[in-house]
Protein backbone atom coordinates (compact mmCIF):
# COMPACT_ATOMS: atom_id res chain seq x y z
CA MET A 1 21.43 2.48 29.62
CA PRO A 2 21.80 0.45 26.35
CA GLU A 3 19.34 1.19 23.58
CA ARG A 4 16.45 -1.41 23.25
CA TYR A 5 15.75 -2.88 19.95
CA LEU A 6 12.45 -4.44 18.78
CA SER A 7 12.15 -8.09 19.11
CA ALA A 8 11.02 -10.26 16.20
CA ALA A 9 7.79 -10.89 17.90
CA GLU A 10 7.24 -7.07 18.43
CA VAL A 11 8.04 -6.50 14.71
CA ARG A 12 5.62 -9.25 13.82
CA GLY A 13 2.94 -7.73 15.87
CA ILE A 14 3.29 -4.29 14.49
CA TYR A 15 3.19 -5.84 10.98
CA ASP A 16 0.14 -7.77 11.56
CA ARG A 17 -1.63 -4.79 13.06
CA TYR A 18 -0.53 -2.01 10.52
CA GLY A 19 0.84 -3.75 7.48
CA PRO A 20 -2.19 -3.49 5.25
CA GLY A 21 -2.25 0.34 6.03
CA LEU A 22 1.39 0.72 5.52
CA VAL A 23 1.02 -0.93 2.04
CA ALA A 24 -1.80 1.43 1.25
CA CYS A 25 0.28 4.30 2.31
CA ALA A 26 3.24 3.37 -0.02
CA CYS A 27 0.90 2.48 -2.78
CA SER A 28 -0.42 6.10 -2.55
CA ILE A 29 3.03 7.37 -3.44
CA VAL A 30 4.35 4.72 -5.94
CA SER A 31 1.13 3.73 -7.46
CA ASP A 32 2.22 0.04 -7.83
CA PHE A 33 0.71 -2.45 -5.14
CA ALA A 34 3.66 -4.95 -5.70
CA LEU A 35 6.32 -2.34 -5.21
CA ALA A 36 4.47 -0.74 -2.31
CA GLU A 37 4.57 -4.33 -0.72
CA ASP A 38 8.21 -4.49 -1.29
CA ILE A 39 8.90 -1.08 0.15
CA VAL A 40 6.98 -2.18 3.41
CA GLN A 41 8.84 -5.58 3.45
CA ASN A 42 12.09 -3.82 3.37
CA VAL A 43 11.26 -1.35 6.14
CA PHE A 44 10.25 -4.33 8.31
CA LEU A 45 13.27 -6.36 7.38
CA ARG A 46 15.42 -3.39 8.71
CA ALA A 47 13.43 -3.68 12.01
CA LEU A 48 14.06 -7.46 12.02
CA ARG A 49 17.85 -7.10 11.53
CA GLY A 50 17.96 -4.95 14.57
CA ASP A 51 18.78 -1.92 12.55
CA VAL A 52 15.85 0.13 14.36
CA PRO A 53 15.79 1.05 18.15
CA ALA A 54 12.69 0.48 19.70
CA PRO A 55 10.42 3.63 18.67
CA GLY A 56 8.21 5.37 21.37
CA SER A 57 5.29 5.00 18.92
CA PRO A 58 5.82 2.09 16.57
CA ALA A 59 2.91 2.99 14.43
CA ALA A 60 4.08 6.57 13.84
CA TYR A 61 7.64 5.38 13.37
CA PHE A 62 6.64 2.66 10.70
CA TYR A 63 4.28 4.94 8.79
CA ARG A 64 6.93 7.60 8.64
CA ALA A 65 9.63 4.97 7.61
CA VAL A 66 7.32 3.66 4.97
CA LYS A 67 6.50 7.02 3.63
CA ASN A 68 10.11 8.04 3.52
CA ALA A 69 11.23 4.84 1.71
CA ALA A 70 8.41 5.30 -0.81
CA LEU A 71 9.35 8.92 -1.42
CA ASN A 72 12.93 7.93 -1.75
CA TYR A 73 12.10 5.25 -4.19
CA LYS A 74 9.90 7.61 -6.26
CA ARG A 75 12.80 10.32 -6.23
CA ASP A 76 15.53 7.72 -7.12
CA HIS A 77 13.37 6.24 -10.02
CA ALA A 78 11.65 9.58 -11.30
CA ARG A 79 13.61 9.68 -14.48
CA GLU A 80 13.30 5.98 -15.46
CA THR A 81 10.90 5.51 -18.30
CA ARG A 82 9.65 2.19 -19.53
CA LEU A 83 10.09 1.89 -23.14
CA PRO A 84 7.08 0.28 -25.05
CA ALA A 85 7.88 -3.22 -26.38
CA ASN A 86 6.51 -2.49 -29.59
CA ASP A 87 7.84 0.99 -30.11
CA HIS A 88 11.10 1.34 -32.17
CA TRP A 89 13.52 3.63 -30.63
CA LEU A 90 16.44 2.44 -32.71
CA VAL A 91 16.59 2.86 -36.27
CA HIS A 92 18.58 0.74 -38.81
CA LYS A 93 20.28 2.77 -41.42
CA GLY A 94 19.25 0.20 -44.13
CA GLY A 95 15.74 -0.11 -42.79
CA ASP A 96 16.19 -3.73 -41.57
CA GLN A 97 13.30 -3.94 -39.21
CA ALA A 98 14.26 -7.65 -38.24
CA ALA A 99 17.74 -6.49 -37.12
CA VAL A 100 16.12 -3.57 -35.10
CA LEU A 101 13.69 -5.91 -33.35
CA THR A 102 16.32 -8.37 -32.65
CA LEU A 103 18.54 -5.66 -31.20
CA HIS A 104 15.58 -4.46 -29.06
CA LYS A 105 15.01 -7.80 -27.64
CA GLY A 106 18.78 -8.35 -27.10
CA LEU A 107 19.02 -5.16 -25.13
CA ALA A 108 16.03 -6.06 -22.91
CA ILE A 109 17.65 -9.26 -21.92
CA LEU A 110 20.69 -7.56 -20.70
CA ALA A 111 21.07 -6.71 -17.07
CA PRO A 112 20.43 -2.90 -16.64
CA GLU A 113 24.22 -2.38 -15.70
CA GLN A 114 25.25 -3.98 -18.95
CA ARG A 115 22.67 -2.16 -20.95
CA ASP A 116 23.75 1.04 -19.55
CA ILE A 117 27.39 0.73 -20.63
CA VAL A 118 26.48 -0.63 -24.05
CA ILE A 119 24.25 2.50 -24.70
CA LEU A 120 26.79 4.89 -23.16
CA HIS A 121 29.84 3.46 -24.97
CA HIS A 122 28.33 2.31 -28.35
CA TRP A 123 25.65 4.70 -29.01
CA SER A 124 26.75 7.81 -27.16
CA GLY A 125 30.49 7.29 -27.83
CA PHE A 126 31.65 7.60 -24.22
CA THR A 127 34.92 6.05 -23.56
CA PHE A 128 35.07 3.47 -20.64
CA GLU A 129 36.63 6.17 -18.35
CA GLU A 130 33.72 8.50 -19.04
CA ALA A 131 31.04 5.77 -18.81
CA ALA A 132 32.58 4.59 -15.78
CA GLU A 133 32.53 8.14 -14.04
CA ALA A 134 28.94 8.71 -15.16
CA LEU A 135 27.97 5.23 -13.68
CA GLY A 136 30.03 5.61 -10.58
CA ILE A 137 32.08 2.41 -11.35
CA SER A 138 35.80 1.84 -12.20
CA PRO A 139 36.84 1.79 -15.89
CA ASN A 140 37.68 -1.92 -15.54
CA THR A 141 34.24 -2.71 -14.25
CA ALA A 142 32.81 -0.80 -17.29
CA ALA A 143 34.88 -2.64 -19.68
CA SER A 144 34.01 -5.99 -18.27
CA ARG A 145 30.23 -5.20 -18.27
CA TYR A 146 30.67 -4.22 -21.89
CA ARG A 147 32.52 -7.32 -22.87
CA TYR A 148 29.91 -9.57 -21.03
CA ALA A 149 26.97 -7.46 -22.55
CA ILE A 150 28.46 -7.83 -26.12
CA GLY A 151 28.97 -11.70 -25.48
CA LYS A 152 25.21 -11.83 -24.65
CA LEU A 153 24.07 -9.75 -27.66
CA ARG A 154 26.32 -11.95 -29.92
CA GLU A 155 24.66 -15.09 -28.70
CA HIS A 156 21.22 -13.50 -29.06
CA PHE A 157 21.87 -12.55 -32.58
CA GLN A 158 23.31 -16.05 -33.42
CA LEU A 159 20.27 -17.72 -32.04
CA SER A 160 18.01 -15.23 -33.75
CA GLN A 161 19.68 -15.88 -37.05
CA LYS A 162 19.43 -19.64 -36.58
CA VAL A 163 15.66 -19.25 -36.14
CA ARG A 164 15.30 -17.10 -39.19
CA GLU A 165 17.31 -19.73 -41.24
CA ARG A 166 14.64 -22.36 -40.18
CA VAL A 167 11.64 -20.34 -41.05
CA PRO A 168 10.78 -20.72 -44.74
CA SER A 169 10.48 -17.47 -46.60
CA GLU A 170 7.34 -16.61 -48.29
């Protein structure tokens, strides 16, 4: 007998009935309402794609799935730390705070994958091969991400310089 999957109407009904409780469950783990909503949405999207055989107890299945997804997210992101916007974690050898601020802002606009390779290659001294191994990508991908990142940083610095030139000095 072939396995039965949940229909879109069944998934919608489960979401309508249990959605708020599932979001609360996820929020109790990740402590971020918007993130909890995203986790619940992803679990339900899997069900809508037909990746989930019809469970015997839909409520129990979805609570377990949401809890596991939230725990996985928390585990996978446990070491991430948001850097305060006004805190200087880079230091300019000559004490040029404007350059430090420009670099902070420039790094913040990069895609995380590009920022990672810039930090690993430039500040940590990793070769592209070493950085690629650390990031789980090919050395060519590491090198191209670095080139794109440096290009974006160069544009950011040029724009910042033009703005500084327009501002009258005191």
